[in-house]
Amino acid sequence: MVAALRTAVAGDEALAWERDLLAAFEEPPGPRRDALINEQLLDLEGRADEGARVPRVCASVGTSSGLLFGSLALLEGLGSPEGQDASAIMRDAFAAAMGALSVGIAATAFCVAVHVRARKLARDRRVAIDELVDRLERLG
């Protein structure tokens, strides 16, 4: 079974990690084999954590940009020339600020949803990897 798996992943570069994991299982049982398997698992964990911060950073950018553009809209309203209807100008500036803030909040909500979904997928992937390693240990 392990030989068939090795043959299946041999030519595909997208499956390099799996190929290295199977190579680690080719070692005879002992501390060297355990170290090679653990090295592969740590490598996978590191690669999985590389993109973990992206949705959180995007949420932060969404919130910050909404606040920034809302503040700019209010500042523009405050800088209107004298002699115009100040109430109407501030009402328009406030509406523009709330629109910008709403877009920022919507972007943040979307990014938070992506982050929650990505975290669940990462957790499911870790469980699948643990099951793969357990099965390979039973086969080897």
C-alpha atoms as a PDB file:
ATOM      1  CA  MET A   1       0.000   0.000   0.000  1.00  0.00           C
ATOM      2  CA  VAL A   2       2.762   2.469   0.903  1.00  0.00           C
ATOM      3  CA  ALA A   3       4.599   1.609  -2.323  1.00  0.00           C
ATOM      4  CA  ALA A   4       1.454   2.399  -4.317  1.00  0.00           C
ATOM      5  CA  LEU A   5       1.162   5.720  -2.513  1.00  0.00           C
ATOM      6  CA  ARG A   6       4.810   6.529  -3.244  1.00  0.00           C
ATOM      7  CA  THR A   7       4.238   5.795  -6.926  1.00  0.00           C
ATOM      8  CA  ALA A   8       1.098   7.969  -6.962  1.00  0.00           C
ATOM      9  CA  VAL A   9       2.852  11.047  -5.547  1.00  0.00           C
ATOM     10  CA  ALA A  10       6.178  10.553  -7.334  1.00  0.00           C
ATOM     11  CA  GLY A  11       5.622  12.828 -10.322  1.00  0.00           C
ATOM     12  CA  ASP A  12       3.485  15.624  -8.896  1.00  0.00           C
ATOM     13  CA  GLU A  13       5.346  18.641  -7.476  1.00  0.00           C
ATOM     14  CA  ALA A  14       2.190  19.764  -5.672  1.00  0.00           C
ATOM     15  CA  LEU A  15       2.542  16.638  -3.519  1.00  0.00           C
ATOM     16  CA  ALA A  16       6.163  17.232  -2.466  1.00  0.00           C
ATOM     17  CA  TRP A  17       5.272  17.296   1.243  1.00  0.00           C
ATOM     18  CA  GLU A  18       3.426  13.989   0.978  1.00  0.00           C
ATOM     19  CA  ARG A  19       6.387  12.492  -0.890  1.00  0.00           C
ATOM     20  CA  ASP A  20       8.751  13.624   1.869  1.00  0.00           C
ATOM     21  CA  LEU A  21       6.422  12.225   4.526  1.00  0.00           C
ATOM     22  CA  LEU A  22       6.347   8.851   2.785  1.00  0.00           C
ATOM     23  CA  ALA A  23      10.150   8.955   2.517  1.00  0.00           C
ATOM     24  CA  ALA A  24      10.309   9.511   6.278  1.00  0.00           C
ATOM     25  CA  PHE A  25       8.190   6.402   6.786  1.00  0.00           C
ATOM     26  CA  GLU A  26      10.676   4.378   4.719  1.00  0.00           C
ATOM     27  CA  GLU A  27      13.166   4.675   7.566  1.00  0.00           C
ATOM     28  CA  PRO A  28      13.226   1.782  10.016  1.00  0.00           C
ATOM     29  CA  PRO A  29      11.280   2.427  13.233  1.00  0.00           C
ATOM     30  CA  GLY A  30      13.288   4.375  15.753  1.00  0.00           C
ATOM     31  CA  PRO A  31      14.309   7.868  16.789  1.00  0.00           C
ATOM     32  CA  ARG A  32      15.554   8.886  13.316  1.00  0.00           C
ATOM     33  CA  ARG A  33      12.240   7.967  11.725  1.00  0.00           C
ATOM     34  CA  ASP A  34      10.309   9.803  14.442  1.00  0.00           C
ATOM     35  CA  ALA A  35      12.505  12.871  13.959  1.00  0.00           C
ATOM     36  CA  LEU A  36      11.962  12.867  10.179  1.00  0.00           C
ATOM     37  CA  ILE A  37       8.203  12.502  10.585  1.00  0.00           C
ATOM     38  CA  ASN A  38       8.105  15.278  13.182  1.00  0.00           C
ATOM     39  CA  GLU A  39      10.175  17.488  10.884  1.00  0.00           C
ATOM     40  CA  GLN A  40       7.604  17.025   8.119  1.00  0.00           C
ATOM     41  CA  LEU A  41       4.755  17.793  10.506  1.00  0.00           C
ATOM     42  CA  LEU A  42       6.499  20.950  11.752  1.00  0.00           C
ATOM     43  CA  ASP A  43       7.137  22.017   8.164  1.00  0.00           C
ATOM     44  CA  LEU A  44       3.463  21.588   7.341  1.00  0.00           C
ATOM     45  CA  GLU A  45       2.428  23.475  10.482  1.00  0.00           C
ATOM     46  CA  GLY A  46       4.718  26.360   9.537  1.00  0.00           C
ATOM     47  CA  ARG A  47       3.327  26.531   6.017  1.00  0.00           C
ATOM     48  CA  ALA A  48      -0.216  26.425   7.334  1.00  0.00           C
ATOM     49  CA  ASP A  49       0.476  29.315   9.711  1.00  0.00           C
ATOM     50  CA  GLU A  50       1.989  31.526   6.988  1.00  0.00           C
ATOM     51  CA  GLY A  51      -1.363  32.804   5.777  1.00  0.00           C
ATOM     52  CA  ALA A  52      -3.196  32.684   9.092  1.00  0.00           C
ATOM     53  CA  ARG A  53      -2.758  36.403   9.758  1.00  0.00           C
ATOM     54  CA  VAL A  54      -3.939  37.593   6.345  1.00  0.00           C
ATOM     55  CA  PRO A  55      -7.686  37.761   7.148  1.00  0.00           C
ATOM     56  CA  ARG A  56      -6.997  39.518  10.470  1.00  0.00           C
ATOM     57  CA  VAL A  57      -4.768  42.090   8.780  1.00  0.00           C
ATOM     58  CA  CYS A  58      -7.394  42.616   6.067  1.00  0.00           C
ATOM     59  CA  ALA A  59     -10.042  43.176   8.762  1.00  0.00           C
ATOM     60  CA  SER A  60      -7.782  45.739  10.402  1.00  0.00           C
ATOM     61  CA  VAL A  61      -7.202  47.505   7.088  1.00  0.00           C
ATOM     62  CA  GLY A  62     -10.955  47.504   6.383  1.00  0.00           C
ATOM     63  CA  THR A  63     -11.767  49.074   9.738  1.00  0.00           C
ATOM     64  CA  SER A  64      -8.936  51.598   9.579  1.00  0.00           C
ATOM     65  CA  SER A  65      -9.726  52.688   6.046  1.00  0.00           C
ATOM     66  CA  GLY A  66     -13.414  53.130   6.894  1.00  0.00           C
ATOM     67  CA  LEU A  67     -12.485  55.336   9.826  1.00  0.00           C
ATOM     68  CA  LEU A  68      -9.906  57.242   7.762  1.00  0.00           C
ATOM     69  CA  PHE A  69     -12.234  57.986   4.859  1.00  0.00           C
ATOM     70  CA  GLY A  70     -15.061  58.850   7.239  1.00  0.00           C
ATOM     71  CA  SER A  71     -12.785  61.292   9.043  1.00  0.00           C
ATOM     72  CA  LEU A  72     -11.677  62.807   5.742  1.00  0.00           C
ATOM     73  CA  ALA A  73     -15.302  63.310   4.720  1.00  0.00           C
ATOM     74  CA  LEU A  74     -16.018  65.113   7.996  1.00  0.00           C
ATOM     75  CA  LEU A  75     -12.894  67.247   7.656  1.00  0.00           C
ATOM     76  CA  GLU A  76     -13.893  68.234   4.149  1.00  0.00           C
ATOM     77  CA  GLY A  77     -17.283  69.296   5.480  1.00  0.00           C
ATOM     78  CA  LEU A  78     -15.633  71.378   8.180  1.00  0.00           C
ATOM     79  CA  GLY A  79     -13.441  73.065   5.591  1.00  0.00           C
ATOM     80  CA  SER A  80     -16.328  74.320   3.483  1.00  0.00           C
ATOM     81  CA  PRO A  81     -16.310  77.996   2.552  1.00  0.00           C
ATOM     82  CA  GLU A  82     -18.260  80.425   4.689  1.00  0.00           C
ATOM     83  CA  GLY A  83     -21.509  81.781   3.412  1.00  0.00           C
ATOM     84  CA  GLN A  84     -22.940  78.415   2.445  1.00  0.00           C
ATOM     85  CA  ASP A  85     -25.580  76.518   4.387  1.00  0.00           C
ATOM     86  CA  ALA A  86     -23.384  74.951   7.079  1.00  0.00           C
ATOM     87  CA  SER A  87     -26.151  72.619   8.223  1.00  0.00           C
ATOM     88  CA  ALA A  88     -26.611  71.110   4.763  1.00  0.00           C
ATOM     89  CA  ILE A  89     -22.847  70.799   4.217  1.00  0.00           C
ATOM     90  CA  MET A  90     -22.344  69.005   7.542  1.00  0.00           C
ATOM     91  CA  ARG A  91     -25.357  66.776   6.883  1.00  0.00           C
ATOM     92  CA  ASP A  92     -23.822  65.760   3.528  1.00  0.00           C
ATOM     93  CA  ALA A  93     -20.391  65.304   5.117  1.00  0.00           C
ATOM     94  CA  PHE A  94     -21.885  63.169   7.881  1.00  0.00           C
ATOM     95  CA  ALA A  95     -23.734  61.031   5.311  1.00  0.00           C
ATOM     96  CA  ALA A  96     -20.500  60.539   3.350  1.00  0.00           C
ATOM     97  CA  ALA A  97     -18.627  59.686   6.557  1.00  0.00           C
ATOM     98  CA  MET A  98     -21.240  57.110   7.566  1.00  0.00           C
ATOM     99  CA  GLY A  99     -21.097  55.590   4.075  1.00  0.00           C
ATOM    100  CA  ALA A 100     -17.322  55.218   4.278  1.00  0.00           C
ATOM    101  CA  LEU A 101     -17.547  53.793   7.774  1.00  0.00           C
ATOM    102  CA  SER A 102     -20.244  51.339   6.659  1.00  0.00           C
ATOM    103  CA  VAL A 103     -18.063  50.068   3.831  1.00  0.00           C
ATOM    104  CA  GLY A 104     -15.180  49.630   6.295  1.00  0.00           C
ATOM    105  CA  ILE A 105     -17.403  47.689   8.700  1.00  0.00           C
ATOM    106  CA  ALA A 106     -18.709  45.498   5.869  1.00  0.00           C
ATOM    107  CA  ALA A 107     -15.128  44.757   4.774  1.00  0.00           C
ATOM    108  CA  THR A 108     -14.223  43.891   8.351  1.00  0.00           C
ATOM    109  CA  ALA A 109     -17.210  41.565   8.720  1.00  0.00           C
ATOM    110  CA  PHE A 110     -16.295  39.787   5.487  1.00  0.00           C
ATOM    111  CA  CYS A 111     -12.684  39.358   6.604  1.00  0.00           C
ATOM    112  CA  VAL A 112     -13.761  38.016   9.984  1.00  0.00           C
ATOM    113  CA  ALA A 113     -16.001  35.476   8.248  1.00  0.00           C
ATOM    114  CA  VAL A 114     -13.092  34.415   6.036  1.00  0.00           C
ATOM    115  CA  HIS A 115     -10.855  34.108   9.102  1.00  0.00           C
ATOM    116  CA  VAL A 116     -13.361  31.907  10.951  1.00  0.00           C
ATOM    117  CA  ARG A 117     -13.838  29.678   7.908  1.00  0.00           C
ATOM    118  CA  ALA A 118     -10.079  29.420   7.291  1.00  0.00           C
ATOM    119  CA  ARG A 119      -9.485  28.484  10.926  1.00  0.00           C
ATOM    120  CA  LYS A 120     -12.067  25.697  10.674  1.00  0.00           C
ATOM    121  CA  LEU A 121     -10.506  24.407   7.453  1.00  0.00           C
ATOM    122  CA  ALA A 122      -7.040  24.467   9.035  1.00  0.00           C
ATOM    123  CA  ARG A 123      -8.340  22.519  12.036  1.00  0.00           C
ATOM    124  CA  ASP A 124      -9.990  19.942   9.734  1.00  0.00           C
ATOM    125  CA  ARG A 125      -6.785  19.676   7.711  1.00  0.00           C
ATOM    126  CA  ARG A 126      -4.742  19.026  10.874  1.00  0.00           C
ATOM    127  CA  VAL A 127      -7.132  16.248  11.888  1.00  0.00           C
ATOM    128  CA  ALA A 128      -6.826  14.699   8.413  1.00  0.00           C
ATOM    129  CA  ILE A 129      -3.014  14.873   8.588  1.00  0.00           C
ATOM    130  CA  ASP A 130      -3.035  13.222  12.016  1.00  0.00           C
ATOM    131  CA  GLU A 131      -5.231  10.440  10.633  1.00  0.00           C
ATOM    132  CA  LEU A 132      -2.891  10.031   7.644  1.00  0.00           C
ATOM    133  CA  VAL A 133       0.150   9.723   9.904  1.00  0.00           C
ATOM    134  CA  ASP A 134      -1.653   7.217  12.155  1.00  0.00           C
ATOM    135  CA  ARG A 135      -2.622   5.070   9.155  1.00  0.00           C
ATOM    136  CA  LEU A 136       0.885   5.197   7.721  1.00  0.00           C
ATOM    137  CA  GLU A 137       2.297   4.152  11.087  1.00  0.00           C
ATOM    138  CA  ARG A 138      -0.067   1.184  11.165  1.00  0.00           C
ATOM    139  CA  LEU A 139       0.915   0.218   7.610  1.00  0.00           C
ATOM    140  CA  GLY A 140       4.640   0.621   8.208  1.00  0.00           C
END
